[in-house]
Amino acid sequence: MVLTTLVLLSILYHRTLKQGLIIIEEKMAEKSKMKCNVVKKSDRAGKKRMVKACAGGKEKLIHFGATGYGHNYSAAARKSFKARHKCGTAKDKLTARYWSCKKLWAGKGGSTKSSPKSKRGKY
């Protein structure tokens, strides 16, 4: 029996059993089929969201937001994040900073999950 294992962060694995062998199929987000500037759930391990960012004739697939951490869970945390990442100057759509500031930390109504106790600051 042959077992093939691929370990890539940006690939989801789909396991099927066929003739006694485990076959691992790759499934990646197809950038060509995605709409520009529409945020969706990320398929990358360790990331919350992804977006096909389009600006100035360029396209880029961006994954942003660390899983395991809450986002936008209090006014004080929002203020601290925006100051730390300089959200007021985030204008380039081809950066994860722009999308984090715009979608994860934009205003009230975010995640009710706070950061893990081992990582928690003063909020």
N, C-alpha and C. Protein backbone atom coordinates (compact mmCIF):
# COMPACT_ATOMS: atom_id res chain seq x y z
N MET A 1 0.84 -1.18 0.00
CA MET A 1 0.00 0.00 0.00
C MET A 1 0.89 1.24 0.00
N VAL A 2 0.61 2.13 -0.88
CA VAL A 2 1.40 3.35 -1.00
C VAL A 2 0.60 4.51 -0.43
N LEU A 3 1.25 5.25 0.44
CA LEU A 3 0.59 6.41 1.04
C LEU A 3 1.36 7.66 0.64
N THR A 4 0.70 8.52 -0.09
CA THR A 4 1.35 9.76 -0.53
C THR A 4 0.79 10.91 0.28
N THR A 5 1.67 11.68 0.87
CA THR A 5 1.22 12.80 1.69
C THR A 5 1.84 14.09 1.18
N LEU A 6 1.04 15.04 0.88
CA LEU A 6 1.51 16.36 0.48
C LEU A 6 1.17 17.34 1.60
N VAL A 7 2.16 18.08 2.02
CA VAL A 7 1.90 19.05 3.08
C VAL A 7 2.14 20.45 2.51
N LEU A 8 1.09 21.08 2.09
CA LEU A 8 1.15 22.45 1.60
C LEU A 8 0.06 23.26 2.31
N LEU A 9 0.42 24.43 2.81
CA LEU A 9 -0.53 25.21 3.58
C LEU A 9 -1.71 25.71 2.76
N SER A 10 -1.49 25.98 1.48
CA SER A 10 -2.55 26.58 0.69
C SER A 10 -3.46 25.57 -0.01
N ILE A 11 -3.35 24.29 0.33
CA ILE A 11 -4.14 23.26 -0.34
C ILE A 11 -5.02 22.53 0.66
N LEU A 12 -6.26 22.36 0.32
CA LEU A 12 -7.16 21.52 1.11
C LEU A 12 -7.05 20.10 0.59
N TYR A 13 -7.20 19.19 1.47
CA TYR A 13 -7.09 17.79 1.06
C TYR A 13 -8.46 17.11 1.08
N HIS A 14 -8.68 16.34 0.06
CA HIS A 14 -9.90 15.57 -0.03
C HIS A 14 -9.49 14.11 -0.18
N ARG A 15 -9.83 13.31 0.79
CA ARG A 15 -9.39 11.92 0.76
C ARG A 15 -10.49 11.00 0.25
N THR A 16 -10.13 10.16 -0.64
CA THR A 16 -11.07 9.16 -1.14
C THR A 16 -10.39 7.80 -1.08
N LEU A 17 -11.17 6.79 -0.87
CA LEU A 17 -10.63 5.43 -0.81
C LEU A 17 -10.93 4.74 -2.13
N LYS A 18 -9.90 4.28 -2.80
CA LYS A 18 -10.08 3.65 -4.11
C LYS A 18 -9.08 2.51 -4.23
N GLN A 19 -9.57 1.32 -4.36
CA GLN A 19 -8.76 0.11 -4.53
C GLN A 19 -7.71 -0.04 -3.44
N GLY A 20 -8.08 0.25 -2.21
CA GLY A 20 -7.18 0.07 -1.08
C GLY A 20 -6.11 1.14 -0.93
N LEU A 21 -6.11 2.12 -1.79
CA LEU A 21 -5.12 3.20 -1.71
C LEU A 21 -5.81 4.50 -1.29
N ILE A 22 -5.11 5.28 -0.54
CA ILE A 22 -5.64 6.59 -0.19
C ILE A 22 -5.10 7.58 -1.21
N ILE A 23 -6.00 8.21 -1.91
CA ILE A 23 -5.62 9.18 -2.93
C ILE A 23 -5.95 10.57 -2.39
N ILE A 24 -5.00 11.45 -2.46
CA ILE A 24 -5.21 12.81 -1.98
C ILE A 24 -5.34 13.72 -3.18
N GLU A 25 -6.49 14.39 -3.26
CA GLU A 25 -6.73 15.30 -4.37
C GLU A 25 -6.54 16.73 -3.89
N GLU A 26 -5.96 17.55 -4.72
CA GLU A 26 -5.73 18.95 -4.39
C GLU A 26 -6.95 19.78 -4.77
N LYS A 27 -7.30 20.70 -3.90
CA LYS A 27 -8.36 21.65 -4.21
C LYS A 27 -7.87 23.02 -3.79
N MET A 28 -7.67 23.89 -4.74
CA MET A 28 -7.23 25.24 -4.46
C MET A 28 -8.30 26.21 -4.96
N ALA A 29 -8.30 27.38 -4.37
CA ALA A 29 -9.20 28.41 -4.87
C ALA A 29 -8.75 28.79 -6.27
N GLU A 30 -9.67 28.77 -7.20
CA GLU A 30 -9.34 29.13 -8.57
C GLU A 30 -9.55 30.62 -8.76
N LYS A 31 -8.45 31.33 -8.84
CA LYS A 31 -8.49 32.79 -8.94
C LYS A 31 -9.28 33.24 -10.17
N SER A 32 -9.19 32.48 -11.24
CA SER A 32 -9.87 32.89 -12.48
C SER A 32 -11.39 32.85 -12.36
N LYS A 33 -11.90 32.03 -11.45
CA LYS A 33 -13.35 31.89 -11.29
C LYS A 33 -13.92 32.80 -10.21
N MET A 34 -13.04 33.49 -9.46
CA MET A 34 -13.50 34.36 -8.38
C MET A 34 -13.82 35.76 -8.91
N LYS A 35 -14.76 36.44 -8.25
CA LYS A 35 -15.08 37.82 -8.59
C LYS A 35 -14.10 38.74 -7.88
N CYS A 36 -13.83 39.86 -8.49
CA CYS A 36 -12.91 40.84 -7.91
C CYS A 36 -13.48 41.48 -6.66
N ASN A 37 -12.63 41.63 -5.65
CA ASN A 37 -12.92 42.36 -4.41
C ASN A 37 -14.13 41.83 -3.64
N VAL A 38 -14.36 40.52 -3.71
CA VAL A 38 -15.43 39.87 -2.94
C VAL A 38 -14.77 38.94 -1.93
N VAL A 39 -15.00 39.21 -0.65
CA VAL A 39 -14.37 38.45 0.43
C VAL A 39 -15.15 37.16 0.67
N LYS A 40 -14.40 36.05 0.83
CA LYS A 40 -15.04 34.77 1.17
C LYS A 40 -14.15 34.00 2.14
N LYS A 41 -14.65 32.92 2.67
CA LYS A 41 -13.90 32.11 3.64
C LYS A 41 -12.64 31.55 2.98
N SER A 42 -11.53 31.62 3.71
CA SER A 42 -10.25 31.18 3.17
C SER A 42 -10.12 29.66 3.17
N ASP A 43 -9.40 29.14 2.18
CA ASP A 43 -9.11 27.72 2.13
C ASP A 43 -7.69 27.44 2.62
N ARG A 44 -6.99 28.47 3.07
CA ARG A 44 -5.63 28.32 3.58
C ARG A 44 -5.68 28.07 5.09
N ALA A 45 -4.91 27.11 5.53
CA ALA A 45 -4.85 26.80 6.96
C ALA A 45 -4.31 28.01 7.71
N GLY A 46 -4.96 28.35 8.81
CA GLY A 46 -4.49 29.45 9.64
C GLY A 46 -5.02 30.82 9.25
N LYS A 47 -5.84 30.91 8.21
CA LYS A 47 -6.39 32.19 7.78
C LYS A 47 -7.91 32.16 7.77
N LYS A 48 -8.55 33.31 8.05
CA LYS A 48 -10.00 33.40 8.12
C LYS A 48 -10.66 33.68 6.77
N ARG A 49 -10.14 34.65 6.06
CA ARG A 49 -10.79 35.12 4.84
C ARG A 49 -9.80 35.21 3.68
N MET A 50 -10.35 35.24 2.46
CA MET A 50 -9.54 35.47 1.28
C MET A 50 -10.32 36.33 0.30
N VAL A 51 -9.60 37.00 -0.56
CA VAL A 51 -10.21 37.89 -1.54
C VAL A 51 -9.34 37.92 -2.78
N LYS A 52 -9.98 37.99 -3.93
CA LYS A 52 -9.25 38.24 -5.17
C LYS A 52 -9.26 39.76 -5.33
N ALA A 53 -8.15 40.37 -4.98
CA ALA A 53 -8.04 41.83 -5.02
C ALA A 53 -7.68 42.27 -6.42
N CYS A 54 -8.40 43.25 -6.92
CA CYS A 54 -8.15 43.79 -8.25
C CYS A 54 -8.01 45.30 -8.14
N ALA A 55 -6.88 45.82 -8.61
CA ALA A 55 -6.65 47.26 -8.60
C ALA A 55 -5.59 47.60 -9.63
N GLY A 56 -5.83 48.64 -10.40
CA GLY A 56 -4.85 49.11 -11.37
C GLY A 56 -4.45 48.07 -12.41
N GLY A 57 -5.38 47.23 -12.82
CA GLY A 57 -5.07 46.22 -13.83
C GLY A 57 -4.35 44.99 -13.28
N LYS A 58 -4.13 44.93 -11.96
CA LYS A 58 -3.46 43.78 -11.34
C LYS A 58 -4.48 42.97 -10.54
N GLU A 59 -4.22 41.68 -10.44
CA GLU A 59 -5.05 40.77 -9.64
C GLU A 59 -4.14 40.03 -8.68
N LYS A 60 -4.62 39.83 -7.46
CA LYS A 60 -3.82 39.12 -6.46
C LYS A 60 -4.76 38.41 -5.50
N LEU A 61 -4.46 37.17 -5.18
CA LEU A 61 -5.24 36.41 -4.20
C LEU A 61 -4.63 36.63 -2.83
N ILE A 62 -5.42 37.20 -1.92
CA ILE A 62 -4.93 37.57 -0.60
C ILE A 62 -5.70 36.81 0.47
N HIS A 63 -4.97 36.19 1.40
CA HIS A 63 -5.54 35.53 2.56
C HIS A 63 -5.21 36.40 3.76
N PHE A 64 -6.20 36.65 4.64
CA PHE A 64 -5.94 37.52 5.78
C PHE A 64 -6.75 37.10 7.00
N GLY A 65 -6.31 37.54 8.17
CA GLY A 65 -6.99 37.24 9.43
C GLY A 65 -6.56 35.90 10.01
N ALA A 66 -5.89 35.92 11.13
CA ALA A 66 -5.42 34.68 11.75
C ALA A 66 -6.55 33.97 12.48
N THR A 67 -6.70 32.66 12.22
CA THR A 67 -7.69 31.89 12.96
C THR A 67 -7.18 31.70 14.38
N GLY A 68 -8.08 31.51 15.31
CA GLY A 68 -7.68 31.33 16.70
C GLY A 68 -7.72 32.64 17.47
N TYR A 69 -7.81 33.75 16.75
CA TYR A 69 -7.91 35.06 17.39
C TYR A 69 -9.26 35.66 17.07
N GLY A 70 -9.81 36.36 18.02
CA GLY A 70 -11.05 37.08 17.77
C GLY A 70 -10.73 38.34 16.98
N HIS A 71 -11.75 38.97 16.45
CA HIS A 71 -11.55 40.25 15.78
C HIS A 71 -12.75 41.13 16.08
N ASN A 72 -12.48 42.41 16.25
CA ASN A 72 -13.54 43.39 16.39
C ASN A 72 -14.44 43.11 17.59
N TYR A 73 -13.86 42.66 18.70
CA TYR A 73 -14.67 42.23 19.83
C TYR A 73 -14.92 43.31 20.87
N SER A 74 -14.25 44.44 20.79
CA SER A 74 -14.56 45.56 21.69
C SER A 74 -14.08 46.87 21.06
N ALA A 75 -14.62 47.96 21.53
CA ALA A 75 -14.24 49.26 21.00
C ALA A 75 -12.77 49.55 21.28
N ALA A 76 -12.29 49.16 22.44
CA ALA A 76 -10.89 49.39 22.78
C ALA A 76 -9.96 48.56 21.89
N ALA A 77 -10.34 47.33 21.60
CA ALA A 77 -9.53 46.47 20.73
C ALA A 77 -9.51 47.02 19.30
N ARG A 78 -10.67 47.52 18.83
CA ARG A 78 -10.74 48.13 17.50
C ARG A 78 -9.82 49.33 17.41
N LYS A 79 -9.87 50.17 18.41
CA LYS A 79 -9.04 51.38 18.42
C LYS A 79 -7.56 51.02 18.42
N SER A 80 -7.18 50.04 19.22
CA SER A 80 -5.79 49.61 19.30
C SER A 80 -5.30 49.01 17.99
N PHE A 81 -6.13 48.15 17.38
CA PHE A 81 -5.76 47.53 16.10
C PHE A 81 -5.57 48.58 15.02
N LYS A 82 -6.53 49.51 14.93
CA LYS A 82 -6.46 50.54 13.90
C LYS A 82 -5.23 51.42 14.06
N ALA A 83 -4.84 51.72 15.30
CA ALA A 83 -3.64 52.52 15.54
C ALA A 83 -2.38 51.73 15.21
N ARG A 84 -2.33 50.48 15.63
CA ARG A 84 -1.15 49.63 15.42
C ARG A 84 -0.89 49.37 13.94
N HIS A 85 -1.97 49.20 13.16
CA HIS A 85 -1.83 48.87 11.74
C HIS A 85 -2.03 50.07 10.82
N LYS A 86 -2.22 51.24 11.41
CA LYS A 86 -2.39 52.48 10.64
C LYS A 86 -3.48 52.33 9.57
N CYS A 87 -4.67 51.95 10.03
CA CYS A 87 -5.77 51.71 9.10
C CYS A 87 -6.20 52.96 8.35
N GLY A 88 -5.92 54.11 8.88
CA GLY A 88 -6.28 55.35 8.19
C GLY A 88 -5.52 55.55 6.90
N THR A 89 -4.37 54.93 6.76
CA THR A 89 -3.56 55.08 5.54
C THR A 89 -3.61 53.85 4.64
N ALA A 90 -4.41 52.85 4.98
CA ALA A 90 -4.49 51.62 4.19
C ALA A 90 -5.38 51.86 2.97
N LYS A 91 -4.77 52.15 1.83
CA LYS A 91 -5.52 52.47 0.60
C LYS A 91 -5.30 51.46 -0.51
N ASP A 92 -4.25 50.66 -0.43
CA ASP A 92 -3.91 49.71 -1.49
C ASP A 92 -4.70 48.41 -1.34
N LYS A 93 -5.59 48.14 -2.29
CA LYS A 93 -6.43 46.94 -2.23
C LYS A 93 -5.64 45.65 -2.38
N LEU A 94 -4.39 45.74 -2.80
CA LEU A 94 -3.57 44.55 -3.01
C LEU A 94 -2.81 44.13 -1.75
N THR A 95 -3.23 44.63 -0.57
CA THR A 95 -2.56 44.27 0.69
C THR A 95 -3.55 43.65 1.68
N ALA A 96 -3.03 42.77 2.50
CA ALA A 96 -3.86 42.15 3.55
C ALA A 96 -4.26 43.19 4.60
N ARG A 97 -3.41 44.19 4.82
CA ARG A 97 -3.71 45.24 5.79
C ARG A 97 -4.99 45.97 5.41
N TYR A 98 -5.13 46.31 4.14
CA TYR A 98 -6.33 47.00 3.66
C TYR A 98 -7.59 46.18 3.97
N TRP A 99 -7.55 44.89 3.64
CA TRP A 99 -8.74 44.04 3.81
C TRP A 99 -9.03 43.76 5.27
N SER A 100 -8.01 43.61 6.10
CA SER A 100 -8.23 43.41 7.53
C SER A 100 -8.88 44.63 8.15
N CYS A 101 -8.37 45.79 7.79
CA CYS A 101 -8.93 47.03 8.31
C CYS A 101 -10.37 47.23 7.84
N LYS A 102 -10.63 46.91 6.59
CA LYS A 102 -11.95 47.15 6.00
C LYS A 102 -13.00 46.12 6.42
N LYS A 103 -12.62 44.86 6.46
CA LYS A 103 -13.61 43.81 6.70
C LYS A 103 -13.63 43.24 8.13
N LEU A 104 -12.47 43.05 8.73
CA LEU A 104 -12.45 42.43 10.06
C LEU A 104 -12.59 43.43 11.20
N TRP A 105 -12.04 44.62 11.03
CA TRP A 105 -11.99 45.59 12.13
C TRP A 105 -12.71 46.88 11.80
N ALA A 106 -13.61 46.90 10.83
CA ALA A 106 -14.22 48.14 10.35
C ALA A 106 -15.11 48.83 11.37
N GLY A 107 -15.94 48.12 12.06
CA GLY A 107 -16.87 48.76 12.98
C GLY A 107 -17.56 47.74 13.84
N LYS A 108 -18.59 48.19 14.53
CA LYS A 108 -19.34 47.30 15.42
C LYS A 108 -19.91 46.11 14.67
N GLY A 109 -20.16 45.04 15.41
CA GLY A 109 -20.82 43.89 14.82
C GLY A 109 -19.87 42.81 14.35
N GLY A 110 -18.69 42.77 14.89
CA GLY A 110 -17.72 41.75 14.49
C GLY A 110 -17.87 40.48 15.30
N SER A 111 -16.79 39.77 15.44
CA SER A 111 -16.75 38.51 16.16
C SER A 111 -16.98 38.74 17.65
N THR A 112 -17.71 37.85 18.28
CA THR A 112 -17.90 37.94 19.72
C THR A 112 -16.84 37.13 20.44
N LYS A 113 -16.02 36.43 19.68
CA LYS A 113 -14.95 35.60 20.24
C LYS A 113 -13.74 36.49 20.54
N SER A 114 -13.30 36.47 21.78
CA SER A 114 -12.11 37.26 22.11
C SER A 114 -10.86 36.43 21.84
N SER A 115 -9.71 37.07 21.97
CA SER A 115 -8.46 36.37 21.72
C SER A 115 -8.24 35.27 22.76
N PRO A 116 -7.42 34.26 22.44
CA PRO A 116 -7.16 33.19 23.39
C PRO A 116 -6.52 33.73 24.67
N LYS A 117 -6.76 33.04 25.79
CA LYS A 117 -6.24 33.50 27.08
C LYS A 117 -4.73 33.62 27.08
N SER A 118 -4.05 32.74 26.35
CA SER A 118 -2.59 32.79 26.31
C SER A 118 -2.09 33.98 25.50
N LYS A 119 -2.91 34.56 24.65
CA LYS A 119 -2.51 35.67 23.78
C LYS A 119 -3.20 36.97 24.17
N ARG A 120 -4.08 36.94 25.14
CA ARG A 120 -4.93 38.08 25.44
C ARG A 120 -4.13 39.22 26.06
N GLY A 121 -4.42 40.41 25.60
CA GLY A 121 -3.80 41.62 26.15
C GLY A 121 -4.71 42.23 27.19
N LYS A 122 -4.87 43.52 27.14
CA LYS A 122 -5.65 44.22 28.14
C LYS A 122 -7.12 44.34 27.78
N TYR A 123 -7.57 43.75 26.68
CA TYR A 123 -8.96 43.91 26.25
C TYR A 123 -9.73 42.65 26.50
